[in-house]
Amino acid sequence: MNELLNKIIDHFGSQANLARTLKIKSMAITNWRKRKSIPAIRAYQIQKITKGKFKASNIIELCDSDDTVIVDSVCSKSRHPVGKSRLSNRKRVG
């Protein structure tokens, strides 16, 4: 996993550049290295940004169901699908 992450970082020039591109903190990428896992949402972003040079399916090693939901909502055409579904399930008080 770290070898692949190193290739991704090299593609972007530095860990700081990768973090800026993904609009995350550089420490998050350090944590990926420690966990030996890249979150699914970031894997799909990397795939999209690199125009398929790095495939999300090759990047993702561990993916829990929460990541899948987030990826589905990001890829959806609806502007705020997660927010709407969460709000519609809430009961109004008062």
Foldseek 3Di string as FASTA:
>chain_A
DVVVLVVLQVVQPHLCSLCVQVVHDSVVSVVCVVVVADQLLSLVVSCVVVVNPRHSVNRGDDYDPVSVVVNVQVPDPDDGVVVVVVVVPDDDDD
